[in-house]
Amino acid sequence: MKLRVVVSPRSGSTVQNLLSSVLIAAGIVCMGVFVWSELDSWVYQYVQLEYSAAGKLPLPAQPGVPLTPPVAASPPQWLERDPQALGILEIPRLDMRIVVREGIDAATLRRSVGHVPATALPGEAGNAVLAGHRDRHFRSLRKIRRGDRILFEGRDGRYEYIVDSTMVVDPDAVSLMRPTADARLTLITCFPFYYAGPAPRRFAVRAYRAQ
């Protein structure tokens, strides 16, 4: 005796409709997460930078000219709004001005550039390492070049760095994190800048303190 299994066309259509609905819902959720992430980052940066703009001091016309004041009498008030905020990173030629926070966890890098723990703080002797996403806050680094000025305004003053090199390295290049005798700044992001999915390499910017 033979058995025949008959699948109703209507049943197949119902399954397809359900699958389509699930995929559409998943797409909406993913888009919502993306929009929320971008908005959260934009709002955080906008609010912090607006509060800091009132106390922003003029930039000397030439590299290496001492910034005024070299040491702040007290931390800028805008930094007190976020205990994790360390200061503002600025690259004038790239028209880039970004808040830097302590840590490199996902929430921090979503909102800002992060300071790698256990490395020197910007302005101190040693190697200060900052990390950021290539498709967000460090997107402009693809245009950086040797000789560019990098400014950092933090809790104890304002500091200037001069870019002396850029490089592309493997993700496990621990040499980028090594301490240095002099005051250095290292910026790290993923590479290539235009790449679908997790990027396989890292782009690094090395700079020395000008004063």
N, C-alpha and C. Protein backbone atom coordinates (compact mmCIF):
# COMPACT_ATOMS: atom_id res chain seq x y z
N MET A 1 0.86 -1.19 0.00
CA MET A 1 0.00 0.00 0.00
C MET A 1 0.89 1.24 0.00
N LYS A 2 0.58 2.16 -0.85
CA LYS A 2 1.36 3.40 -0.95
C LYS A 2 0.60 4.54 -0.28
N LEU A 3 1.40 5.37 0.41
CA LEU A 3 0.83 6.55 1.04
C LEU A 3 1.26 7.80 0.29
N ARG A 4 0.36 8.66 0.08
CA ARG A 4 0.66 9.93 -0.58
C ARG A 4 0.47 11.06 0.41
N VAL A 5 1.51 11.90 0.52
CA VAL A 5 1.43 13.08 1.39
C VAL A 5 1.19 14.29 0.51
N VAL A 6 0.10 14.91 0.73
CA VAL A 6 -0.29 16.06 -0.07
C VAL A 6 -0.13 17.32 0.76
N VAL A 7 0.70 18.24 0.27
CA VAL A 7 0.89 19.52 0.96
C VAL A 7 0.01 20.57 0.31
N SER A 8 -0.81 21.12 1.13
CA SER A 8 -1.74 22.13 0.62
C SER A 8 -0.99 23.37 0.17
N PRO A 9 -1.26 23.88 -1.01
CA PRO A 9 -0.63 25.13 -1.48
C PRO A 9 -0.86 26.26 -0.49
N ARG A 10 -2.02 26.23 0.15
CA ARG A 10 -2.33 27.28 1.11
C ARG A 10 -1.41 27.20 2.33
N SER A 11 -1.09 25.95 2.76
CA SER A 11 -0.17 25.77 3.88
C SER A 11 1.22 26.30 3.54
N GLY A 12 1.71 26.01 2.34
CA GLY A 12 3.01 26.50 1.92
C GLY A 12 3.05 28.01 1.86
N SER A 13 1.98 28.60 1.41
CA SER A 13 1.90 30.06 1.33
C SER A 13 1.93 30.67 2.72
N THR A 14 1.29 30.00 3.68
CA THR A 14 1.28 30.52 5.05
C THR A 14 2.68 30.53 5.65
N VAL A 15 3.43 29.44 5.39
CA VAL A 15 4.80 29.36 5.88
C VAL A 15 5.67 30.47 5.27
N GLN A 16 5.51 30.69 3.99
CA GLN A 16 6.29 31.73 3.31
C GLN A 16 5.95 33.11 3.87
N ASN A 17 4.68 33.35 4.10
CA ASN A 17 4.27 34.64 4.65
C ASN A 17 4.84 34.85 6.05
N LEU A 18 4.83 33.75 6.85
CA LEU A 18 5.38 33.85 8.20
C LEU A 18 6.87 34.13 8.16
N LEU A 19 7.59 33.43 7.27
CA LEU A 19 9.03 33.64 7.14
C LEU A 19 9.33 35.06 6.69
N SER A 20 8.55 35.55 5.76
CA SER A 20 8.74 36.93 5.29
C SER A 20 8.54 37.93 6.41
N SER A 21 7.51 37.69 7.22
CA SER A 21 7.22 38.59 8.34
C SER A 21 8.36 38.60 9.35
N VAL A 22 8.90 37.38 9.62
CA VAL A 22 10.02 37.28 10.57
C VAL A 22 11.24 38.04 10.05
N LEU A 23 11.55 37.87 8.76
CA LEU A 23 12.71 38.55 8.18
C LEU A 23 12.53 40.06 8.18
N ILE A 24 11.34 40.51 7.88
CA ILE A 24 11.06 41.96 7.89
C ILE A 24 11.22 42.51 9.29
N ALA A 25 10.68 41.77 10.29
CA ALA A 25 10.78 42.22 11.68
C ALA A 25 12.24 42.27 12.12
N ALA A 26 13.03 41.25 11.71
CA ALA A 26 14.44 41.23 12.07
C ALA A 26 15.18 42.41 11.44
N GLY A 27 14.83 42.73 10.19
CA GLY A 27 15.45 43.87 9.52
C GLY A 27 15.12 45.18 10.22
N ILE A 28 13.87 45.31 10.66
CA ILE A 28 13.45 46.53 11.35
C ILE A 28 14.20 46.67 12.68
N VAL A 29 14.34 45.55 13.39
CA VAL A 29 15.07 45.57 14.67
C VAL A 29 16.53 45.98 14.45
N CYS A 30 17.17 45.39 13.45
CA CYS A 30 18.58 45.73 13.16
C CYS A 30 18.72 47.19 12.78
N MET A 31 17.80 47.69 11.97
CA MET A 31 17.85 49.09 11.59
C MET A 31 17.64 49.99 12.80
N GLY A 32 16.72 49.58 13.68
CA GLY A 32 16.46 50.36 14.89
C GLY A 32 17.69 50.42 15.79
N VAL A 33 18.38 49.28 15.93
CA VAL A 33 19.60 49.25 16.75
C VAL A 33 20.67 50.15 16.15
N PHE A 34 20.81 50.11 14.82
CA PHE A 34 21.81 50.95 14.15
C PHE A 34 21.50 52.43 14.35
N VAL A 35 20.25 52.80 14.13
CA VAL A 35 19.84 54.21 14.27
C VAL A 35 20.04 54.68 15.71
N TRP A 36 19.65 53.83 16.67
CA TRP A 36 19.82 54.20 18.08
C TRP A 36 21.29 54.38 18.42
N SER A 37 22.14 53.49 17.93
CA SER A 37 23.57 53.58 18.21
C SER A 37 24.16 54.87 17.64
N GLU A 38 23.80 55.18 16.38
CA GLU A 38 24.31 56.40 15.76
C GLU A 38 23.79 57.64 16.48
N LEU A 39 22.53 57.63 16.86
CA LEU A 39 21.93 58.79 17.54
C LEU A 39 22.54 58.98 18.91
N ASP A 40 22.75 57.88 19.64
CA ASP A 40 23.36 57.96 20.97
C ASP A 40 24.75 58.56 20.88
N SER A 41 25.54 58.14 19.90
CA SER A 41 26.88 58.66 19.72
C SER A 41 26.83 60.15 19.36
N TRP A 42 25.96 60.50 18.44
CA TRP A 42 25.88 61.90 17.98
C TRP A 42 25.45 62.81 19.12
N VAL A 43 24.44 62.42 19.88
CA VAL A 43 23.94 63.25 20.98
C VAL A 43 25.02 63.43 22.04
N TYR A 44 25.71 62.34 22.39
CA TYR A 44 26.76 62.44 23.41
C TYR A 44 27.85 63.40 22.97
N GLN A 45 28.35 63.22 21.74
CA GLN A 45 29.42 64.09 21.25
C GLN A 45 28.95 65.55 21.15
N TYR A 46 27.75 65.73 20.65
CA TYR A 46 27.23 67.10 20.46
C TYR A 46 27.13 67.83 21.79
N VAL A 47 26.53 67.17 22.79
CA VAL A 47 26.33 67.81 24.09
C VAL A 47 27.67 68.12 24.74
N GLN A 48 28.60 67.17 24.75
CA GLN A 48 29.88 67.39 25.40
C GLN A 48 30.69 68.48 24.69
N LEU A 49 30.70 68.45 23.38
CA LEU A 49 31.47 69.44 22.63
C LEU A 49 30.87 70.83 22.74
N GLU A 50 29.55 70.91 22.83
CA GLU A 50 28.90 72.21 23.00
C GLU A 50 29.28 72.81 24.35
N TYR A 51 29.29 71.99 25.39
CA TYR A 51 29.66 72.49 26.72
C TYR A 51 31.13 72.91 26.76
N SER A 52 31.97 72.22 25.99
CA SER A 52 33.40 72.53 26.02
C SER A 52 33.73 73.75 25.16
N ALA A 53 32.89 74.06 24.19
CA ALA A 53 33.20 75.13 23.23
C ALA A 53 33.32 76.48 23.91
N ALA A 54 32.56 76.69 24.99
CA ALA A 54 32.57 77.99 25.66
C ALA A 54 33.94 78.31 26.23
N GLY A 55 34.67 77.29 26.64
CA GLY A 55 35.98 77.53 27.22
C GLY A 55 37.14 77.23 26.30
N LYS A 56 36.85 77.02 25.03
CA LYS A 56 37.92 76.68 24.09
C LYS A 56 38.83 77.87 23.86
N LEU A 57 40.14 77.62 23.93
CA LEU A 57 41.13 78.67 23.77
C LEU A 57 41.67 78.69 22.35
N PRO A 58 42.16 79.85 21.88
CA PRO A 58 42.67 79.93 20.51
C PRO A 58 43.91 79.05 20.32
N LEU A 59 44.09 78.59 19.10
CA LEU A 59 45.20 77.71 18.74
C LEU A 59 46.34 78.54 18.14
N PRO A 60 47.58 78.38 18.65
CA PRO A 60 48.71 79.09 18.05
C PRO A 60 48.84 78.78 16.56
N ALA A 61 49.34 79.76 15.81
CA ALA A 61 49.40 79.60 14.36
C ALA A 61 50.45 78.59 13.92
N GLN A 62 51.51 78.41 14.72
CA GLN A 62 52.60 77.54 14.32
C GLN A 62 52.74 76.35 15.27
N PRO A 63 53.12 75.19 14.75
CA PRO A 63 53.35 74.03 15.61
C PRO A 63 54.48 74.30 16.61
N GLY A 64 54.37 73.73 17.79
CA GLY A 64 55.43 73.84 18.78
C GLY A 64 55.34 75.08 19.65
N VAL A 65 54.48 76.04 19.32
CA VAL A 65 54.31 77.22 20.16
C VAL A 65 53.54 76.79 21.41
N PRO A 66 54.04 77.11 22.62
CA PRO A 66 53.36 76.66 23.84
C PRO A 66 51.90 77.06 23.87
N LEU A 67 51.06 76.12 24.26
CA LEU A 67 49.64 76.39 24.38
C LEU A 67 49.37 77.11 25.68
N THR A 68 48.32 77.93 25.70
CA THR A 68 47.98 78.72 26.88
C THR A 68 46.59 78.34 27.38
N PRO A 69 46.43 78.05 28.70
CA PRO A 69 47.51 77.85 29.66
C PRO A 69 48.09 76.46 29.52
N PRO A 70 49.41 76.29 29.87
CA PRO A 70 49.99 74.96 29.75
C PRO A 70 49.40 73.98 30.76
N VAL A 71 49.00 74.48 31.92
CA VAL A 71 48.38 73.65 32.94
C VAL A 71 47.14 74.36 33.46
N ALA A 72 46.02 73.66 33.51
CA ALA A 72 44.77 74.26 33.96
C ALA A 72 44.77 74.36 35.48
N ALA A 73 44.17 75.44 36.01
CA ALA A 73 44.06 75.62 37.45
C ALA A 73 43.11 74.61 38.05
N SER A 74 42.08 74.24 37.31
CA SER A 74 41.11 73.24 37.75
C SER A 74 40.52 72.58 36.51
N PRO A 75 39.97 71.36 36.64
CA PRO A 75 39.41 70.69 35.46
C PRO A 75 38.29 71.51 34.83
N PRO A 76 38.21 71.54 33.50
CA PRO A 76 37.09 72.24 32.84
C PRO A 76 35.76 71.70 33.35
N GLN A 77 34.79 72.58 33.53
CA GLN A 77 33.50 72.16 34.10
C GLN A 77 32.81 71.11 33.25
N TRP A 78 32.97 71.18 31.93
CA TRP A 78 32.26 70.22 31.09
C TRP A 78 32.73 68.80 31.35
N LEU A 79 34.00 68.61 31.78
CA LEU A 79 34.50 67.27 32.06
C LEU A 79 33.84 66.67 33.30
N GLU A 80 33.39 67.53 34.19
CA GLU A 80 32.76 67.02 35.41
C GLU A 80 31.39 66.42 35.13
N ARG A 81 30.83 66.68 33.97
CA ARG A 81 29.52 66.12 33.62
C ARG A 81 29.60 64.62 33.36
N ASP A 82 30.76 64.14 32.97
CA ASP A 82 30.96 62.72 32.70
C ASP A 82 32.27 62.29 33.34
N PRO A 83 32.22 61.57 34.46
CA PRO A 83 33.45 61.16 35.16
C PRO A 83 34.39 60.33 34.30
N GLN A 84 33.85 59.65 33.27
CA GLN A 84 34.69 58.82 32.41
C GLN A 84 35.37 59.61 31.30
N ALA A 85 34.95 60.85 31.10
CA ALA A 85 35.54 61.68 30.04
C ALA A 85 36.93 62.16 30.46
N LEU A 86 37.89 62.01 29.56
CA LEU A 86 39.26 62.44 29.83
C LEU A 86 39.59 63.77 29.18
N GLY A 87 38.94 64.07 28.07
CA GLY A 87 39.24 65.31 27.37
C GLY A 87 38.79 65.25 25.92
N ILE A 88 39.33 66.18 25.13
CA ILE A 88 38.96 66.28 23.72
C ILE A 88 40.20 66.11 22.84
N LEU A 89 40.07 65.25 21.86
CA LEU A 89 41.11 65.04 20.85
C LEU A 89 40.74 65.86 19.62
N GLU A 90 41.69 66.64 19.13
CA GLU A 90 41.40 67.50 17.97
C GLU A 90 42.53 67.40 16.96
N ILE A 91 42.15 67.24 15.69
CA ILE A 91 43.10 67.28 14.58
C ILE A 91 42.62 68.39 13.64
N PRO A 92 43.16 69.59 13.77
CA PRO A 92 42.64 70.76 13.04
C PRO A 92 42.54 70.57 11.53
N ARG A 93 43.57 70.00 10.89
CA ARG A 93 43.54 69.90 9.43
C ARG A 93 42.40 69.01 8.94
N LEU A 94 42.03 68.02 9.74
CA LEU A 94 40.95 67.11 9.37
C LEU A 94 39.59 67.59 9.88
N ASP A 95 39.58 68.76 10.54
CA ASP A 95 38.35 69.29 11.12
C ASP A 95 37.70 68.23 12.04
N MET A 96 38.52 67.62 12.84
CA MET A 96 38.09 66.51 13.70
C MET A 96 38.21 66.94 15.16
N ARG A 97 37.13 66.76 15.90
CA ARG A 97 37.10 67.11 17.33
C ARG A 97 36.21 66.10 18.04
N ILE A 98 36.82 65.24 18.88
CA ILE A 98 36.13 64.09 19.45
C ILE A 98 36.41 63.99 20.95
N VAL A 99 35.38 63.66 21.71
CA VAL A 99 35.54 63.42 23.14
C VAL A 99 36.23 62.07 23.35
N VAL A 100 37.16 62.03 24.29
CA VAL A 100 37.86 60.80 24.66
C VAL A 100 37.41 60.36 26.05
N ARG A 101 37.07 59.08 26.19
CA ARG A 101 36.66 58.52 27.47
C ARG A 101 37.60 57.40 27.87
N GLU A 102 37.57 57.08 29.15
CA GLU A 102 38.40 55.98 29.66
C GLU A 102 37.78 54.64 29.29
N GLY A 103 38.62 53.70 28.80
CA GLY A 103 38.16 52.36 28.49
C GLY A 103 37.95 52.13 27.00
N ILE A 104 37.89 50.84 26.64
CA ILE A 104 37.67 50.47 25.24
C ILE A 104 36.56 49.42 25.14
N ASP A 105 35.62 49.45 26.08
CA ASP A 105 34.47 48.55 26.00
C ASP A 105 33.54 49.02 24.90
N ALA A 106 32.58 48.17 24.55
CA ALA A 106 31.69 48.46 23.41
C ALA A 106 30.90 49.75 23.60
N ALA A 107 30.40 49.98 24.82
CA ALA A 107 29.59 51.18 25.08
C ALA A 107 30.43 52.45 24.92
N THR A 108 31.68 52.41 25.39
CA THR A 108 32.56 53.58 25.28
C THR A 108 32.91 53.88 23.83
N LEU A 109 33.27 52.84 23.07
CA LEU A 109 33.66 53.06 21.68
C LEU A 109 32.46 53.42 20.80
N ARG A 110 31.26 53.10 21.24
CA ARG A 110 30.07 53.52 20.51
C ARG A 110 29.90 55.04 20.60
N ARG A 111 30.22 55.58 21.78
CA ARG A 111 30.00 57.01 22.01
C ARG A 111 31.20 57.88 21.69
N SER A 112 32.40 57.32 21.79
CA SER A 112 33.58 58.17 21.75
C SER A 112 34.82 57.38 21.34
N VAL A 113 35.94 58.07 21.37
CA VAL A 113 37.24 57.42 21.29
C VAL A 113 37.58 56.95 22.69
N GLY A 114 38.24 55.79 22.81
CA GLY A 114 38.55 55.25 24.13
C GLY A 114 40.04 55.24 24.42
N HIS A 115 40.37 55.51 25.69
CA HIS A 115 41.76 55.42 26.15
C HIS A 115 42.02 54.00 26.61
N VAL A 116 43.09 53.39 26.10
CA VAL A 116 43.43 52.01 26.45
C VAL A 116 43.98 51.99 27.88
N PRO A 117 43.32 51.28 28.81
CA PRO A 117 43.79 51.23 30.20
C PRO A 117 45.22 50.70 30.29
N ALA A 118 45.90 51.13 31.31
CA ALA A 118 47.29 50.73 31.59
C ALA A 118 48.31 51.41 30.69
N THR A 119 47.87 52.27 29.77
CA THR A 119 48.81 53.09 29.01
C THR A 119 48.80 54.49 29.60
N ALA A 120 49.80 55.28 29.26
CA ALA A 120 49.91 56.63 29.80
C ALA A 120 48.70 57.48 29.39
N LEU A 121 48.41 58.47 30.20
CA LEU A 121 47.36 59.42 29.83
C LEU A 121 47.96 60.47 28.90
N PRO A 122 47.16 61.01 27.97
CA PRO A 122 47.68 62.07 27.10
C PRO A 122 48.27 63.21 27.92
N GLY A 123 49.45 63.65 27.53
CA GLY A 123 50.14 64.70 28.25
C GLY A 123 51.22 64.18 29.17
N GLU A 124 51.10 62.93 29.60
CA GLU A 124 52.09 62.34 30.49
C GLU A 124 53.27 61.79 29.70
N ALA A 125 54.38 61.55 30.40
CA ALA A 125 55.49 60.82 29.79
C ALA A 125 55.04 59.38 29.56
N GLY A 126 55.42 58.81 28.43
CA GLY A 126 55.00 57.47 28.11
C GLY A 126 54.13 57.44 26.87
N ASN A 127 53.62 56.26 26.56
CA ASN A 127 52.85 56.04 25.35
C ASN A 127 51.35 56.04 25.66
N ALA A 128 50.66 57.09 25.29
CA ALA A 128 49.21 57.19 25.48
C ALA A 128 48.52 56.59 24.25
N VAL A 129 47.74 55.54 24.45
CA VAL A 129 47.12 54.84 23.33
C VAL A 129 45.61 55.06 23.34
N LEU A 130 45.09 55.51 22.20
CA LEU A 130 43.66 55.76 22.03
C LEU A 130 43.14 54.90 20.88
N ALA A 131 41.94 54.37 21.05
CA ALA A 131 41.34 53.51 20.02
C ALA A 131 39.96 54.03 19.64
N GLY A 132 39.59 53.80 18.39
CA GLY A 132 38.28 54.24 17.92
C GLY A 132 37.86 53.44 16.70
N HIS A 133 36.56 53.48 16.39
CA HIS A 133 36.03 52.74 15.25
C HIS A 133 36.38 53.45 13.95
N ARG A 134 36.77 52.67 12.93
CA ARG A 134 37.15 53.22 11.61
C ARG A 134 35.96 53.80 10.87
N ASP A 135 34.73 53.33 11.20
CA ASP A 135 33.54 53.80 10.50
C ASP A 135 32.74 54.80 11.33
N ARG A 136 33.37 55.33 12.37
CA ARG A 136 32.68 56.31 13.20
C ARG A 136 33.64 57.43 13.57
N HIS A 137 34.18 57.45 14.79
CA HIS A 137 34.94 58.60 15.26
C HIS A 137 36.33 58.72 14.65
N PHE A 138 36.90 57.59 14.20
CA PHE A 138 38.23 57.66 13.59
C PHE A 138 38.16 57.52 12.08
N ARG A 139 37.02 57.79 11.49
CA ARG A 139 36.87 57.69 10.04
C ARG A 139 37.83 58.63 9.31
N SER A 140 38.08 59.81 9.88
CA SER A 140 38.92 60.81 9.22
C SER A 140 40.40 60.46 9.23
N LEU A 141 40.79 59.48 10.02
CA LEU A 141 42.21 59.14 10.08
C LEU A 141 42.76 58.65 8.75
N ARG A 142 41.89 58.23 7.85
CA ARG A 142 42.37 57.76 6.55
C ARG A 142 43.05 58.89 5.78
N LYS A 143 42.81 60.15 6.18
CA LYS A 143 43.40 61.30 5.48
C LYS A 143 44.58 61.91 6.23
N ILE A 144 44.95 61.34 7.37
CA ILE A 144 46.01 61.95 8.17
C ILE A 144 47.36 61.76 7.49
N ARG A 145 48.29 62.66 7.78
CA ARG A 145 49.61 62.54 7.18
C ARG A 145 50.68 63.07 8.14
N ARG A 146 51.89 62.76 7.81
CA ARG A 146 53.01 63.17 8.66
C ARG A 146 53.07 64.69 8.77
N GLY A 147 53.31 65.17 9.99
CA GLY A 147 53.38 66.61 10.24
C GLY A 147 52.08 67.20 10.74
N ASP A 148 50.99 66.46 10.65
CA ASP A 148 49.71 66.97 11.16
C ASP A 148 49.79 67.20 12.67
N ARG A 149 49.07 68.21 13.13
CA ARG A 149 49.01 68.53 14.56
C ARG A 149 47.83 67.80 15.20
N ILE A 150 48.09 67.24 16.36
CA ILE A 150 47.03 66.62 17.16
C ILE A 150 47.01 67.32 18.52
N LEU A 151 45.86 67.81 18.91
CA LEU A 151 45.73 68.51 20.18
C LEU A 151 44.90 67.68 21.15
N PHE A 152 45.25 67.77 22.41
CA PHE A 152 44.45 67.12 23.44
C PHE A 152 44.26 68.09 24.59
N GLU A 153 42.99 68.33 24.92
CA GLU A 153 42.67 69.19 26.06
C GLU A 153 42.01 68.33 27.12
N GLY A 154 42.67 68.22 28.28
CA GLY A 154 42.17 67.35 29.33
C GLY A 154 41.98 68.05 30.65
N ARG A 155 42.01 67.27 31.71
CA ARG A 155 41.71 67.79 33.03
C ARG A 155 42.83 68.67 33.59
N ASP A 156 44.06 68.46 33.13
CA ASP A 156 45.17 69.23 33.70
C ASP A 156 45.87 70.12 32.68
N GLY A 157 45.28 70.32 31.51
CA GLY A 157 45.89 71.24 30.57
C GLY A 157 45.68 70.85 29.12
N ARG A 158 46.40 71.54 28.23
CA ARG A 158 46.29 71.32 26.80
C ARG A 158 47.66 70.92 26.26
N TYR A 159 47.68 69.94 25.36
CA TYR A 159 48.92 69.40 24.85
C TYR A 159 48.86 69.27 23.33
N GLU A 160 50.03 69.41 22.72
CA GLU A 160 50.13 69.31 21.27
C GLU A 160 51.08 68.19 20.89
N TYR A 161 50.66 67.41 19.88
CA TYR A 161 51.48 66.34 19.34
C TYR A 161 51.64 66.56 17.84
N ILE A 162 52.74 66.05 17.30
CA ILE A 162 53.01 66.13 15.86
C ILE A 162 53.12 64.70 15.32
N VAL A 163 52.36 64.39 14.28
CA VAL A 163 52.39 63.06 13.67
C VAL A 163 53.73 62.83 13.01
N ASP A 164 54.40 61.72 13.35
CA ASP A 164 55.66 61.41 12.68
C ASP A 164 55.61 60.14 11.86
N SER A 165 54.53 59.33 12.00
CA SER A 165 54.44 58.14 11.16
C SER A 165 53.05 57.53 11.23
N THR A 166 52.71 56.77 10.19
CA THR A 166 51.50 55.96 10.17
C THR A 166 51.90 54.57 9.69
N MET A 167 51.14 53.57 10.07
CA MET A 167 51.50 52.20 9.67
C MET A 167 50.27 51.31 9.70
N VAL A 168 50.34 50.22 8.94
CA VAL A 168 49.31 49.18 8.93
C VAL A 168 49.96 47.93 9.52
N VAL A 169 49.32 47.36 10.54
CA VAL A 169 49.90 46.23 11.25
C VAL A 169 48.86 45.14 11.46
N ASP A 170 49.31 43.99 11.94
CA ASP A 170 48.41 42.90 12.30
C ASP A 170 47.71 43.22 13.62
N PRO A 171 46.57 42.61 13.88
CA PRO A 171 45.81 42.90 15.11
C PRO A 171 46.58 42.60 16.39
N ASP A 172 47.54 41.68 16.34
CA ASP A 172 48.28 41.29 17.54
C ASP A 172 49.61 42.02 17.67
N ALA A 173 49.75 43.17 17.03
CA ALA A 173 51.00 43.94 17.10
C ALA A 173 51.09 44.65 18.45
N VAL A 174 51.61 43.96 19.45
CA VAL A 174 51.66 44.50 20.81
C VAL A 174 52.67 45.64 20.94
N SER A 175 53.54 45.79 19.95
CA SER A 175 54.54 46.87 20.02
C SER A 175 53.89 48.24 20.09
N LEU A 176 52.68 48.36 19.57
CA LEU A 176 51.99 49.64 19.60
C LEU A 176 51.65 50.07 21.02
N MET A 177 51.55 49.11 21.94
CA MET A 177 51.16 49.39 23.31
C MET A 177 52.35 49.60 24.25
N ARG A 178 53.55 49.32 23.76
CA ARG A 178 54.70 49.36 24.65
C ARG A 178 54.96 50.76 25.20
N PRO A 179 55.38 50.85 26.47
CA PRO A 179 55.71 52.15 27.06
C PRO A 179 56.89 52.80 26.34
N THR A 180 56.94 54.12 26.39
CA THR A 180 58.05 54.86 25.78
C THR A 180 58.62 55.80 26.83
N ALA A 181 59.87 56.17 26.64
CA ALA A 181 60.51 57.07 27.59
C ALA A 181 59.98 58.50 27.45
N ASP A 182 59.69 58.90 26.23
CA ASP A 182 59.18 60.25 25.99
C ASP A 182 57.66 60.22 25.88
N ALA A 183 57.07 61.40 25.83
CA ALA A 183 55.61 61.51 25.72
C ALA A 183 55.19 61.26 24.28
N ARG A 184 54.44 60.18 24.06
CA ARG A 184 53.98 59.80 22.73
C ARG A 184 52.47 59.62 22.74
N LEU A 185 51.89 59.70 21.56
CA LEU A 185 50.47 59.44 21.38
C LEU A 185 50.31 58.45 20.23
N THR A 186 49.53 57.39 20.48
CA THR A 186 49.27 56.37 19.45
C THR A 186 47.76 56.25 19.25
N LEU A 187 47.33 56.40 18.01
CA LEU A 187 45.92 56.25 17.66
C LEU A 187 45.77 54.97 16.86
N ILE A 188 44.79 54.14 17.22
CA ILE A 188 44.61 52.85 16.56
C ILE A 188 43.16 52.67 16.11
N THR A 189 42.99 52.19 14.89
CA THR A 189 41.66 51.85 14.39
C THR A 189 41.80 50.65 13.45
N CYS A 190 40.68 50.11 13.02
CA CYS A 190 40.71 48.95 12.13
C CYS A 190 41.03 49.38 10.69
N PHE A 191 41.49 48.41 9.90
CA PHE A 191 41.90 48.69 8.52
C PHE A 191 41.63 47.46 7.67
N PRO A 192 41.22 47.62 6.43
CA PRO A 192 40.99 48.84 5.66
C PRO A 192 39.77 49.63 6.17
N PHE A 193 39.75 50.91 5.85
CA PHE A 193 38.66 51.77 6.30
C PHE A 193 37.34 51.38 5.64
N TYR A 194 37.41 50.99 4.35
CA TYR A 194 36.21 50.56 3.64
C TYR A 194 36.27 49.05 3.50
N TYR A 195 35.60 48.36 4.41
CA TYR A 195 35.66 46.91 4.43
C TYR A 195 34.38 46.38 5.05
N ALA A 196 33.77 45.42 4.40
CA ALA A 196 32.54 44.83 4.92
C ALA A 196 32.87 43.77 5.95
N GLY A 197 32.35 43.93 7.16
CA GLY A 197 32.62 42.97 8.21
C GLY A 197 33.85 43.35 9.02
N PRO A 198 34.26 42.49 9.95
CA PRO A 198 35.43 42.76 10.79
C PRO A 198 36.69 42.92 9.94
N ALA A 199 37.36 44.06 10.09
CA ALA A 199 38.56 44.32 9.30
C ALA A 199 39.73 43.48 9.79
N PRO A 200 40.56 42.98 8.89
CA PRO A 200 41.63 42.05 9.26
C PRO A 200 42.89 42.69 9.82
N ARG A 201 43.09 43.99 9.64
CA ARG A 201 44.32 44.62 10.08
C ARG A 201 44.03 45.88 10.89
N ARG A 202 45.10 46.55 11.34
CA ARG A 202 44.96 47.75 12.15
C ARG A 202 45.77 48.88 11.53
N PHE A 203 45.23 50.10 11.63
CA PHE A 203 45.91 51.31 11.16
C PHE A 203 46.32 52.10 12.39
N ALA A 204 47.58 52.49 12.47
CA ALA A 204 48.08 53.19 13.64
C ALA A 204 48.74 54.51 13.25
N VAL A 205 48.55 55.50 14.10
CA VAL A 205 49.19 56.81 13.94
C VAL A 205 50.08 57.04 15.16
N ARG A 206 51.34 57.37 14.92
CA ARG A 206 52.28 57.65 16.01
C ARG A 206 52.62 59.13 15.98
N ALA A 207 52.62 59.75 17.15
CA ALA A 207 52.92 61.19 17.25
C ALA A 207 53.75 61.47 18.50
N TYR A 208 54.59 62.49 18.43
CA TYR A 208 55.39 62.88 19.58
C TYR A 208 54.89 64.21 20.14
N ARG A 209 55.07 64.40 21.44
CA ARG A 209 54.61 65.64 22.07
C ARG A 209 55.52 66.79 21.69
N ALA A 210 54.92 67.91 21.27
CA ALA A 210 55.68 69.03 20.75
C ALA A 210 56.22 69.95 21.85
N GLN A 211 55.67 69.82 23.05
CA GLN A 211 56.14 70.71 24.13
C GLN A 211 56.07 70.02 25.45
